[in-house]
Amino acid sequence: MDFGSVVVELRKEQGISQTDLASQLDIHKNVFGRYERNEVLPSVEIANKIADALGVTLDYLVKDGEYEEVDKETLKRLKDIQKMTPENKNHVFALLDAFIKQTKLQSVLQ
C-alpha cells in the first residue's frame, strides 16, 4: 500500500477529517489532499508529523505495512529495553516469552 492510501485508511479509522488533520499539521487541506492522492510526497518533517498525529511510526507510513502491528508505545518500550544491561534484558525477555506462550496456548484452547 502506498503512503497516501495508508494515511487515508488510518485517518478514516480514527474518524479524523482531512480538514482537521491538515489544520493540526498547520498545512492547507488542499496540500494534505495531494499527499493522500499521492500527487506529491511530503517532506520527512511533515511525514513525521502525520505519523505522530495518527499515532503510528514513520516506518509504518512508508514501509508498506512492514511494521503494521508496532505502535509507538511498543517502540518506546523496545528502545528502553535496548538500553538495559544484558542481564535485565534476559529477565524482560523471559517474562515476555512466558506471556507470549500463554497467549498462544489460550488461542489454541479456544
PDB file of N, CA and C in Angstrom:
ATOM      1  N   MET A   1       0.848  -1.176   0.000  1.00  0.00           N
ATOM      2  CA  MET A   1       0.000   0.000   0.000  1.00  0.00           C
ATOM      3  C   MET A   1       0.894   1.240   0.000  1.00  0.00           C
ATOM      4  N   ASP A   2       0.526   2.266  -0.752  1.00  0.00           N
ATOM      5  CA  ASP A   2       1.354   3.467  -0.851  1.00  0.00           C
ATOM      6  C   ASP A   2       1.078   4.439   0.301  1.00  0.00           C
ATOM      7  N   PHE A   3       1.936   5.433   0.434  1.00  0.00           N
ATOM      8  CA  PHE A   3       1.872   6.395   1.527  1.00  0.00           C
ATOM      9  C   PHE A   3       0.476   6.998   1.681  1.00  0.00           C
ATOM     10  N   GLY A   4      -0.050   7.548   0.592  1.00  0.00           N
ATOM     11  CA  GLY A   4      -1.343   8.217   0.666  1.00  0.00           C
ATOM     12  C   GLY A   4      -2.466   7.294   1.096  1.00  0.00           C
ATOM     13  N   SER A   5      -2.476   6.081   0.591  1.00  0.00           N
ATOM     14  CA  SER A   5      -3.518   5.118   0.946  1.00  0.00           C
ATOM     15  C   SER A   5      -3.453   4.744   2.424  1.00  0.00           C
ATOM     16  N   VAL A   6      -2.242   4.596   2.933  1.00  0.00           N
ATOM     17  CA  VAL A   6      -2.080   4.278   4.357  1.00  0.00           C
ATOM     18  C   VAL A   6      -2.607   5.428   5.205  1.00  0.00           C
ATOM     19  N   VAL A   7      -2.269   6.651   4.824  1.00  0.00           N
ATOM     20  CA  VAL A   7      -2.727   7.828   5.567  1.00  0.00           C
ATOM     21  C   VAL A   7      -4.248   7.913   5.537  1.00  0.00           C
ATOM     22  N   VAL A   8      -4.847   7.727   4.356  1.00  0.00           N
ATOM     23  CA  VAL A   8      -6.311   7.786   4.238  1.00  0.00           C
ATOM     24  C   VAL A   8      -6.952   6.736   5.143  1.00  0.00           C
ATOM     25  N   GLU A   9      -6.451   5.522   5.082  1.00  0.00           N
ATOM     26  CA  GLU A   9      -7.016   4.430   5.878  1.00  0.00           C
ATOM     27  C   GLU A   9      -6.937   4.737   7.377  1.00  0.00           C
ATOM     28  N   LEU A  10      -5.778   5.160   7.831  1.00  0.00           N
ATOM     29  CA  LEU A  10      -5.618   5.472   9.256  1.00  0.00           C
ATOM     30  C   LEU A  10      -6.496   6.643   9.681  1.00  0.00           C
ATOM     31  N   ARG A  11      -6.526   7.662   8.845  1.00  0.00           N
ATOM     32  CA  ARG A  11      -7.320   8.851   9.172  1.00  0.00           C
ATOM     33  C   ARG A  11      -8.791   8.493   9.294  1.00  0.00           C
ATOM     34  N   LYS A  12      -9.294   7.703   8.365  1.00  0.00           N
ATOM     35  CA  LYS A  12     -10.704   7.317   8.394  1.00  0.00           C
ATOM     36  C   LYS A  12     -11.007   6.394   9.574  1.00  0.00           C
ATOM     37  N   GLU A  13     -10.089   5.452   9.860  1.00  0.00           N
ATOM     38  CA  GLU A  13     -10.273   4.566  11.013  1.00  0.00           C
ATOM     39  C   GLU A  13     -10.413   5.358  12.300  1.00  0.00           C
ATOM     40  N   GLN A  14      -9.705   6.470  12.367  1.00  0.00           N
ATOM     41  CA  GLN A  14      -9.711   7.284  13.581  1.00  0.00           C
ATOM     42  C   GLN A  14     -10.777   8.377  13.562  1.00  0.00           C
ATOM     43  N   GLY A  15     -11.523   8.440  12.462  1.00  0.00           N
ATOM     44  CA  GLY A  15     -12.612   9.409  12.364  1.00  0.00           C
ATOM     45  C   GLY A  15     -12.151  10.857  12.297  1.00  0.00           C
ATOM     46  N   ILE A  16     -11.003  11.079  11.670  1.00  0.00           N
ATOM     47  CA  ILE A  16     -10.454  12.425  11.551  1.00  0.00           C
ATOM     48  C   ILE A  16     -10.683  12.911  10.126  1.00  0.00           C
ATOM     49  N   SER A  17     -11.176  14.128   9.986  1.00  0.00           N
ATOM     50  CA  SER A  17     -11.387  14.675   8.647  1.00  0.00           C
ATOM     51  C   SER A  17     -10.062  15.186   8.086  1.00  0.00           C
ATOM     52  N   GLN A  18     -10.028  15.303   6.759  1.00  0.00           N
ATOM     53  CA  GLN A  18      -8.844  15.869   6.106  1.00  0.00           C
ATOM     54  C   GLN A  18      -8.580  17.277   6.638  1.00  0.00           C
ATOM     55  N   THR A  19      -9.648  18.047   6.762  1.00  0.00           N
ATOM     56  CA  THR A  19      -9.526  19.433   7.216  1.00  0.00           C
ATOM     57  C   THR A  19      -8.934  19.493   8.615  1.00  0.00           C
ATOM     58  N   ASP A  20      -9.438  18.646   9.511  1.00  0.00           N
ATOM     59  CA  ASP A  20      -8.946  18.656  10.892  1.00  0.00           C
ATOM     60  C   ASP A  20      -7.483  18.238  10.978  1.00  0.00           C
ATOM     61  N   LEU A  21      -7.116  17.209  10.232  1.00  0.00           N
ATOM     62  CA  LEU A  21      -5.732  16.747  10.284  1.00  0.00           C
ATOM     63  C   LEU A  21      -4.796  17.779   9.650  1.00  0.00           C
ATOM     64  N   ALA A  22      -5.212  18.365   8.537  1.00  0.00           N
ATOM     65  CA  ALA A  22      -4.396  19.404   7.898  1.00  0.00           C
ATOM     66  C   ALA A  22      -4.205  20.581   8.851  1.00  0.00           C
ATOM     67  N   SER A  23      -5.264  20.961   9.539  1.00  0.00           N
ATOM     68  CA  SER A  23      -5.182  22.058  10.496  1.00  0.00           C
ATOM     69  C   SER A  23      -4.218  21.719  11.635  1.00  0.00           C
ATOM     70  N   GLN A  24      -4.311  20.501  12.124  1.00  0.00           N
ATOM     71  CA  GLN A  24      -3.422  20.046  13.198  1.00  0.00           C
ATOM     72  C   GLN A  24      -1.959  20.086  12.744  1.00  0.00           C
ATOM     73  N   LEU A  25      -1.726  19.803  11.470  1.00  0.00           N
ATOM     74  CA  LEU A  25      -0.370  19.791  10.916  1.00  0.00           C
ATOM     75  C   LEU A  25       0.083  21.175  10.473  1.00  0.00           C
ATOM     76  N   ASP A  26      -0.845  22.132  10.513  1.00  0.00           N
ATOM     77  CA  ASP A  26      -0.579  23.506  10.101  1.00  0.00           C
ATOM     78  C   ASP A  26      -0.214  23.583   8.606  1.00  0.00           C
ATOM     79  N   ILE A  27      -0.980  22.825   7.804  1.00  0.00           N
ATOM     80  CA  ILE A  27      -0.830  22.890   6.352  1.00  0.00           C
ATOM     81  C   ILE A  27      -2.221  23.071   5.745  1.00  0.00           C
ATOM     82  N   HIS A  28      -2.279  23.523   4.511  1.00  0.00           N
ATOM     83  CA  HIS A  28      -3.567  23.725   3.838  1.00  0.00           C
ATOM     84  C   HIS A  28      -4.172  22.360   3.505  1.00  0.00           C
ATOM     85  N   LYS A  29      -5.502  22.273   3.618  1.00  0.00           N
ATOM     86  CA  LYS A  29      -6.162  20.989   3.360  1.00  0.00           C
ATOM     87  C   LYS A  29      -5.959  20.510   1.923  1.00  0.00           C
ATOM     88  N   ASN A  30      -5.809  21.438   0.972  1.00  0.00           N
ATOM     89  CA  ASN A  30      -5.563  21.029  -0.418  1.00  0.00           C
ATOM     90  C   ASN A  30      -4.205  20.346  -0.559  1.00  0.00           C
ATOM     91  N   VAL A  31      -3.219  20.829   0.169  1.00  0.00           N
ATOM     92  CA  VAL A  31      -1.892  20.211   0.146  1.00  0.00           C
ATOM     93  C   VAL A  31      -1.982  18.815   0.756  1.00  0.00           C
ATOM     94  N   PHE A  32      -2.696  18.722   1.871  1.00  0.00           N
ATOM     95  CA  PHE A  32      -2.857  17.420   2.516  1.00  0.00           C
ATOM     96  C   PHE A  32      -3.575  16.440   1.585  1.00  0.00           C
ATOM     97  N   GLY A  33      -4.572  16.917   0.873  1.00  0.00           N
ATOM     98  CA  GLY A  33      -5.281  16.081  -0.092  1.00  0.00           C
ATOM     99  C   GLY A  33      -4.353  15.553  -1.181  1.00  0.00           C
ATOM    100  N   ARG A  34      -3.405  16.372  -1.597  1.00  0.00           N
ATOM    101  CA  ARG A  34      -2.438  15.928  -2.608  1.00  0.00           C
ATOM    102  C   ARG A  34      -1.547  14.814  -2.054  1.00  0.00           C
ATOM    103  N   TYR A  35      -1.227  14.877  -0.756  1.00  0.00           N
ATOM    104  CA  TYR A  35      -0.446  13.803  -0.135  1.00  0.00           C
ATOM    105  C   TYR A  35      -1.247  12.504  -0.162  1.00  0.00           C
ATOM    106  N   GLU A  36      -2.524  12.597   0.188  1.00  0.00           N
ATOM    107  CA  GLU A  36      -3.359  11.399   0.234  1.00  0.00           C
ATOM    108  C   GLU A  36      -3.575  10.800  -1.155  1.00  0.00           C
ATOM    109  N   ARG A  37      -3.588  11.635  -2.165  1.00  0.00           N
ATOM    110  CA  ARG A  37      -3.765  11.144  -3.539  1.00  0.00           C
ATOM    111  C   ARG A  37      -2.437  10.761  -4.186  1.00  0.00           C
ATOM    112  N   ASN A  38      -1.360  10.857  -3.438  1.00  0.00           N
ATOM    113  CA  ASN A  38      -0.008  10.542  -3.924  1.00  0.00           C
ATOM    114  C   ASN A  38       0.410  11.394  -5.111  1.00  0.00           C
ATOM    115  N   GLU A  39      -0.116  12.602  -5.193  1.00  0.00           N
ATOM    116  CA  GLU A  39       0.302  13.524  -6.246  1.00  0.00           C
ATOM    117  C   GLU A  39       1.679  14.087  -5.925  1.00  0.00           C
ATOM    118  N   VAL A  40       1.942  14.276  -4.643  1.00  0.00           N
ATOM    119  CA  VAL A  40       3.250  14.707  -4.152  1.00  0.00           C
ATOM    120  C   VAL A  40       3.512  13.990  -2.840  1.00  0.00           C
ATOM    121  N   LEU A  41       4.771  13.851  -2.501  1.00  0.00           N
ATOM    122  CA  LEU A  41       5.129  13.271  -1.213  1.00  0.00           C
ATOM    123  C   LEU A  41       5.525  14.396  -0.266  1.00  0.00           C
ATOM    124  N   PRO A  42       5.148  14.280   0.993  1.00  0.00           N
ATOM    125  CA  PRO A  42       5.524  15.323   1.948  1.00  0.00           C
ATOM    126  C   PRO A  42       7.008  15.241   2.280  1.00  0.00           C
ATOM    127  N   SER A  43       7.503  16.321   2.855  1.00  0.00           N
ATOM    128  CA  SER A  43       8.871  16.293   3.357  1.00  0.00           C
ATOM    129  C   SER A  43       8.930  15.293   4.515  1.00  0.00           C
ATOM    130  N   VAL A  44      10.121  14.900   4.881  1.00  0.00           N
ATOM    131  CA  VAL A  44      10.274  13.969   6.005  1.00  0.00           C
ATOM    132  C   VAL A  44       9.678  14.592   7.265  1.00  0.00           C
ATOM    133  N   GLU A  45       9.880  15.882   7.444  1.00  0.00           N
ATOM    134  CA  GLU A  45       9.354  16.574   8.623  1.00  0.00           C
ATOM    135  C   GLU A  45       7.824  16.477   8.676  1.00  0.00           C
ATOM    136  N   ILE A  46       7.172  16.757   7.562  1.00  0.00           N
ATOM    137  CA  ILE A  46       5.703  16.699   7.524  1.00  0.00           C
ATOM    138  C   ILE A  46       5.223  15.254   7.647  1.00  0.00           C
ATOM    139  N   ALA A  47       5.898  14.332   6.984  1.00  0.00           N
ATOM    140  CA  ALA A  47       5.514  12.918   7.089  1.00  0.00           C
ATOM    141  C   ALA A  47       5.612  12.447   8.536  1.00  0.00           C
ATOM    142  N   ASN A  48       6.632  12.897   9.243  1.00  0.00           N
ATOM    143  CA  ASN A  48       6.788  12.537  10.648  1.00  0.00           C
ATOM    144  C   ASN A  48       5.658  13.133  11.491  1.00  0.00           C
ATOM    145  N   LYS A  49       5.260  14.364  11.181  1.00  0.00           N
ATOM    146  CA  LYS A  49       4.136  14.991  11.887  1.00  0.00           C
ATOM    147  C   LYS A  49       2.838  14.227  11.615  1.00  0.00           C
ATOM    148  N   ILE A  50       2.657  13.777  10.387  1.00  0.00           N
ATOM    149  CA  ILE A  50       1.469  12.987  10.042  1.00  0.00           C
ATOM    150  C   ILE A  50       1.466  11.690  10.849  1.00  0.00           C
ATOM    151  N   ALA A  51       2.609  11.027  10.899  1.00  0.00           N
ATOM    152  CA  ALA A  51       2.723   9.782  11.672  1.00  0.00           C
ATOM    153  C   ALA A  51       2.388  10.034  13.136  1.00  0.00           C
ATOM    154  N   ASP A  52       2.942  11.095  13.705  1.00  0.00           N
ATOM    155  CA  ASP A  52       2.659  11.419  15.111  1.00  0.00           C
ATOM    156  C   ASP A  52       1.172  11.677  15.326  1.00  0.00           C
ATOM    157  N   ALA A  53       0.583  12.452  14.422  1.00  0.00           N
ATOM    158  CA  ALA A  53      -0.838  12.788  14.559  1.00  0.00           C
ATOM    159  C   ALA A  53      -1.723  11.546  14.472  1.00  0.00           C
ATOM    160  N   LEU A  54      -1.302  10.561  13.692  1.00  0.00           N
ATOM    161  CA  LEU A  54      -2.088   9.345  13.521  1.00  0.00           C
ATOM    162  C   LEU A  54      -1.676   8.237  14.495  1.00  0.00           C
ATOM    163  N   GLY A  55      -0.672   8.521  15.320  1.00  0.00           N
ATOM    164  CA  GLY A  55      -0.263   7.571  16.350  1.00  0.00           C
ATOM    165  C   GLY A  55       0.471   6.352  15.830  1.00  0.00           C
ATOM    166  N   VAL A  56       1.189   6.521  14.729  1.00  0.00           N
ATOM    167  CA  VAL A  56       1.976   5.423  14.163  1.00  0.00           C
ATOM    168  C   VAL A  56       3.405   5.908  13.954  1.00  0.00           C
ATOM    169  N   THR A  57       4.255   5.006  13.545  1.00  0.00           N
ATOM    170  CA  THR A  57       5.626   5.392  13.249  1.00  0.00           C
ATOM    171  C   THR A  57       5.749   5.822  11.799  1.00  0.00           C
ATOM    172  N   LEU A  58       6.790   6.549  11.527  1.00  0.00           N
ATOM    173  CA  LEU A  58       7.060   6.937  10.145  1.00  0.00           C
ATOM    174  C   LEU A  58       7.317   5.692   9.294  1.00  0.00           C
ATOM    175  N   ASP A  59       7.984   4.698   9.878  1.00  0.00           N
ATOM    176  CA  ASP A  59       8.203   3.429   9.173  1.00  0.00           C
ATOM    177  C   ASP A  59       6.885   2.819   8.715  1.00  0.00           C
ATOM    178  N   TYR A  60       5.895   2.881   9.574  1.00  0.00           N
ATOM    179  CA  TYR A  60       4.590   2.312   9.236  1.00  0.00           C
ATOM    180  C   TYR A  60       4.021   2.979   7.985  1.00  0.00           C
ATOM    181  N   LEU A  61       4.176   4.288   7.892  1.00  0.00           N
ATOM    182  CA  LEU A  61       3.617   5.014   6.751  1.00  0.00           C
ATOM    183  C   LEU A  61       4.363   4.753   5.452  1.00  0.00           C
ATOM    184  N   VAL A  62       5.661   4.506   5.541  1.00  0.00           N
ATOM    185  CA  VAL A  62       6.443   4.433   4.312  1.00  0.00           C
ATOM    186  C   VAL A  62       6.960   3.052   3.960  1.00  0.00           C
ATOM    187  N   LYS A  63       6.834   2.088   4.825  1.00  0.00           N
ATOM    188  CA  LYS A  63       7.411   0.766   4.548  1.00  0.00           C
ATOM    189  C   LYS A  63       6.360  -0.281   4.225  1.00  0.00           C
ATOM    190  N   ASP A  64       5.283   0.139   3.626  1.00  0.00           N
ATOM    191  CA  ASP A  64       4.276  -0.788   3.113  1.00  0.00           C
ATOM    192  C   ASP A  64       3.786  -1.765   4.174  1.00  0.00           C
ATOM    193  N   GLY A  65       3.498  -1.250   5.383  1.00  0.00           N
ATOM    194  CA  GLY A  65       2.915  -2.083   6.424  1.00  0.00           C
ATOM    195  C   GLY A  65       3.871  -3.036   7.096  1.00  0.00           C
ATOM    196  N   GLU A  66       5.166  -2.880   6.843  1.00  0.00           N
ATOM    197  CA  GLU A  66       6.136  -3.802   7.433  1.00  0.00           C
ATOM    198  C   GLU A  66       6.045  -3.811   8.959  1.00  0.00           C
ATOM    199  N   TYR A  67       5.774  -2.659   9.543  1.00  0.00           N
ATOM    200  CA  TYR A  67       5.663  -2.551  10.999  1.00  0.00           C
ATOM    201  C   TYR A  67       4.221  -2.272  11.400  1.00  0.00           C
ATOM    202  N   GLU A  68       3.313  -2.876  10.688  1.00  0.00           N
ATOM    203  CA  GLU A  68       1.891  -2.597  10.848  1.00  0.00           C
ATOM    204  C   GLU A  68       1.407  -2.735  12.280  1.00  0.00           C
ATOM    205  N   GLU A  69       1.875  -3.742  12.958  1.00  0.00           N
ATOM    206  CA  GLU A  69       1.365  -4.020  14.294  1.00  0.00           C
ATOM    207  C   GLU A  69       2.156  -3.345  15.408  1.00  0.00           C
ATOM    208  N   VAL A  70       3.189  -2.604  15.086  1.00  0.00           N
ATOM    209  CA  VAL A  70       4.019  -2.000  16.110  1.00  0.00           C
ATOM    210  C   VAL A  70       3.606  -0.543  16.307  1.00  0.00           C
ATOM    211  N   ASP A  71       3.003  -0.261  17.468  1.00  0.00           N
ATOM    212  CA  ASP A  71       2.595   1.106  17.752  1.00  0.00           C
ATOM    213  C   ASP A  71       3.719   1.858  18.455  1.00  0.00           C
ATOM    214  N   LYS A  72       3.518   3.150  18.645  1.00  0.00           N
ATOM    215  CA  LYS A  72       4.575   3.985  19.221  1.00  0.00           C
ATOM    216  C   LYS A  72       4.916   3.595  20.656  1.00  0.00           C
ATOM    217  N   GLU A  73       3.932   3.197  21.433  1.00  0.00           N
ATOM    218  CA  GLU A  73       4.209   2.798  22.819  1.00  0.00           C
ATOM    219  C   GLU A  73       5.096   1.559  22.864  1.00  0.00           C
ATOM    220  N   THR A  74       4.836   0.624  21.971  1.00  0.00           N
ATOM    221  CA  THR A  74       5.653  -0.588  21.916  1.00  0.00           C
ATOM    222  C   THR A  74       7.075  -0.247  21.501  1.00  0.00           C
ATOM    223  N   LEU A  75       7.217   0.605  20.491  1.00  0.00           N
ATOM    224  CA  LEU A  75       8.552   1.004  20.059  1.00  0.00           C
ATOM    225  C   LEU A  75       9.309   1.732  21.158  1.00  0.00           C
ATOM    226  N   LYS A  76       8.609   2.572  21.909  1.00  0.00           N
ATOM    227  CA  LYS A  76       9.250   3.288  23.011  1.00  0.00           C
ATOM    228  C   LYS A  76       9.781   2.293  24.034  1.00  0.00           C
ATOM    229  N   ARG A  77       8.982   1.304  24.341  1.00  0.00           N
ATOM    230  CA  ARG A  77       9.415   0.290  25.308  1.00  0.00           C
ATOM    231  C   ARG A  77      10.585  -0.532  24.769  1.00  0.00           C
ATOM    232  N   LEU A  78      10.546  -0.842  23.489  1.00  0.00           N
ATOM    233  CA  LEU A  78      11.659  -1.586  22.892  1.00  0.00           C
ATOM    234  C   LEU A  78      12.959  -0.788  22.983  1.00  0.00           C
ATOM    235  N   LYS A  79      12.864   0.511  22.761  1.00  0.00           N
ATOM    236  CA  LYS A  79      14.055   1.352  22.876  1.00  0.00           C
ATOM    237  C   LYS A  79      14.570   1.370  24.314  1.00  0.00           C
ATOM    238  N   ASP A  80      13.651   1.396  25.274  1.00  0.00           N
ATOM    239  CA  ASP A  80      14.055   1.350  26.681  1.00  0.00           C
ATOM    240  C   ASP A  80      14.730   0.027  27.016  1.00  0.00           C
ATOM    241  N   ILE A  81      14.209  -1.054  26.467  1.00  0.00           N
ATOM    242  CA  ILE A  81      14.805  -2.375  26.709  1.00  0.00           C
ATOM    243  C   ILE A  81      16.218  -2.431  26.137  1.00  0.00           C
ATOM    244  N   GLN A  82      16.417  -1.829  24.984  1.00  0.00           N
ATOM    245  CA  GLN A  82      17.740  -1.830  24.361  1.00  0.00           C
ATOM    246  C   GLN A  82      18.796  -1.186  25.253  1.00  0.00           C
ATOM    247  N   LYS A  83      18.390  -0.275  26.119  1.00  0.00           N
ATOM    248  CA  LYS A  83      19.323   0.431  26.995  1.00  0.00           C
ATOM    249  C   LYS A  83      19.669  -0.367  28.260  1.00  0.00           C
ATOM    250  N   MET A  84      18.973  -1.474  28.480  1.00  0.00           N
ATOM    251  CA  MET A  84      19.189  -2.266  29.695  1.00  0.00           C
ATOM    252  C   MET A  84      20.465  -3.088  29.617  1.00  0.00           C
ATOM    253  N   THR A  85      20.886  -3.520  30.786  1.00  0.00           N
ATOM    254  CA  THR A  85      22.022  -4.436  30.839  1.00  0.00           C
ATOM    255  C   THR A  85      21.592  -5.776  30.252  1.00  0.00           C
ATOM    256  N   PRO A  86      22.527  -6.570  29.774  1.00  0.00           N
ATOM    257  CA  PRO A  86      22.164  -7.882  29.224  1.00  0.00           C
ATOM    258  C   PRO A  86      21.378  -8.740  30.209  1.00  0.00           C
ATOM    259  N   GLU A  87      21.735  -8.669  31.466  1.00  0.00           N
ATOM    260  CA  GLU A  87      21.023  -9.468  32.483  1.00  0.00           C
ATOM    261  C   GLU A  87      19.567  -9.031  32.604  1.00  0.00           C
ATOM    262  N   ASN A  88      19.334  -7.719  32.658  1.00  0.00           N
ATOM    263  CA  ASN A  88      17.960  -7.222  32.761  1.00  0.00           C
ATOM    264  C   ASN A  88      17.166  -7.511  31.492  1.00  0.00           C
ATOM    265  N   LYS A  89      17.819  -7.423  30.330  1.00  0.00           N
ATOM    266  CA  LYS A  89      17.144  -7.775  29.080  1.00  0.00           C
ATOM    267  C   LYS A  89      16.668  -9.227  29.136  1.00  0.00           C
ATOM    268  N   ASN A  90      17.521 -10.104  29.616  1.00  0.00           N
ATOM    269  CA  ASN A  90      17.147 -11.518  29.709  1.00  0.00           C
ATOM    270  C   ASN A  90      15.935 -11.719  30.599  1.00  0.00           C
ATOM    271  N   HIS A  91      15.846 -10.969  31.697  1.00  0.00           N
ATOM    272  CA  HIS A  91      14.680 -11.067  32.589  1.00  0.00           C
ATOM    273  C   HIS A  91      13.410 -10.603  31.867  1.00  0.00           C
ATOM    274  N   VAL A  92      13.523  -9.475  31.158  1.00  0.00           N
ATOM    275  CA  VAL A  92      12.370  -8.944  30.419  1.00  0.00           C
ATOM    276  C   VAL A  92      11.938  -9.931  29.341  1.00  0.00           C
ATOM    277  N   PHE A  93      12.905 -10.473  28.602  1.00  0.00           N
ATOM    278  CA  PHE A  93      12.578 -11.418  27.539  1.00  0.00           C
ATOM    279  C   PHE A  93      11.950 -12.691  28.087  1.00  0.00           C
ATOM    280  N   ALA A  94      12.416 -13.160  29.236  1.00  0.00           N
ATOM    281  CA  ALA A  94      11.839 -14.360  29.846  1.00  0.00           C
ATOM    282  C   ALA A  94      10.382 -14.111  30.223  1.00  0.00           C
ATOM    283  N   LEU A  95      10.115 -12.940  30.765  1.00  0.00           N
ATOM    284  CA  LEU A  95       8.741 -12.584  31.133  1.00  0.00           C
ATOM    285  C   LEU A  95       7.860 -12.471  29.893  1.00  0.00           C
ATOM    286  N   LEU A  96       8.376 -11.805  28.863  1.00  0.00           N
ATOM    287  CA  LEU A  96       7.623 -11.683  27.614  1.00  0.00           C
ATOM    288  C   LEU A  96       7.358 -13.048  26.986  1.00  0.00           C
ATOM    289  N   ASP A  97       8.380 -13.893  26.975  1.00  0.00           N
ATOM    290  CA  ASP A  97       8.214 -15.238  26.414  1.00  0.00           C
ATOM    291  C   ASP A  97       7.113 -16.007  27.127  1.00  0.00           C
ATOM    292  N   ALA A  98       7.047 -15.858  28.437  1.00  0.00           N
ATOM    293  CA  ALA A  98       6.010 -16.544  29.211  1.00  0.00           C
ATOM    294  C   ALA A  98       4.618 -16.049  28.820  1.00  0.00           C
ATOM    295  N   PHE A  99       4.466 -14.736  28.688  1.00  0.00           N
ATOM    296  CA  PHE A  99       3.164 -14.179  28.299  1.00  0.00           C
ATOM    297  C   PHE A  99       2.797 -14.575  26.872  1.00  0.00           C
ATOM    298  N   ILE A 100       3.771 -14.564  25.982  1.00  0.00           N
ATOM    299  CA  ILE A 100       3.506 -14.947  24.591  1.00  0.00           C
ATOM    300  C   ILE A 100       3.088 -16.410  24.516  1.00  0.00           C
ATOM    301  N   LYS A 101       3.784 -17.251  25.241  1.00  0.00           N
ATOM    302  CA  LYS A 101       3.450 -18.678  25.260  1.00  0.00           C
ATOM    303  C   LYS A 101       2.037 -18.894  25.813  1.00  0.00           C
ATOM    304  N   GLN A 102       1.719 -18.182  26.884  1.00  0.00           N
ATOM    305  CA  GLN A 102       0.384 -18.290  27.486  1.00  0.00           C
ATOM    306  C   GLN A 102      -0.693 -17.844  26.501  1.00  0.00           C
ATOM    307  N   THR A 103      -0.449 -16.749  25.796  1.00  0.00           N
ATOM    308  CA  THR A 103      -1.419 -16.230  24.829  1.00  0.00           C
ATOM    309  C   THR A 103      -1.632 -17.212  23.687  1.00  0.00           C
ATOM    310  N   LYS A 104      -0.549 -17.785  23.184  1.00  0.00           N
ATOM    311  CA  LYS A 104      -0.664 -18.761  22.097  1.00  0.00           C
ATOM    312  C   LYS A 104      -1.413 -20.002  22.559  1.00  0.00           C
ATOM    313  N   LEU A 105      -1.132 -20.445  23.770  1.00  0.00           N
ATOM    314  CA  LEU A 105      -1.807 -21.627  24.310  1.00  0.00           C
ATOM    315  C   LEU A 105      -3.295 -21.351  24.466  1.00  0.00           C
ATOM    316  N   GLN A 106      -3.646 -20.199  24.967  1.00  0.00           N
ATOM    317  CA  GLN A 106      -5.060 -19.851  25.144  1.00  0.00           C
ATOM    318  C   GLN A 106      -5.789 -19.803  23.794  1.00  0.00           C
ATOM    319  N   SER A 107      -5.126 -19.288  22.769  1.00  0.00           N
ATOM    320  CA  SER A 107      -5.786 -19.217  21.459  1.00  0.00           C
ATOM    321  C   SER A 107      -5.996 -20.597  20.867  1.00  0.00           C
ATOM    322  N   VAL A 108      -5.107 -21.538  21.167  1.00  0.00           N
ATOM    323  CA  VAL A 108      -5.259 -22.913  20.674  1.00  0.00           C
ATOM    324  C   VAL A 108      -6.410 -23.608  21.406  1.00  0.00           C
ATOM    325  N   LEU A 109      -6.546 -23.328  22.683  1.00  0.00           N
ATOM    326  CA  LEU A 109      -7.567 -23.998  23.504  1.00  0.00           C
ATOM    327  C   LEU A 109      -8.970 -23.454  23.274  1.00  0.00           C
ATOM    328  N   GLN A 110      -9.092 -22.314  22.667  1.00  0.00           N
ATOM    329  CA  GLN A 110     -10.423 -21.703  22.475  1.00  0.00           C
ATOM    330  C   GLN A 110     -11.100 -22.186  21.242  1.00  0.00           C
TER     331      GLN A 110
END
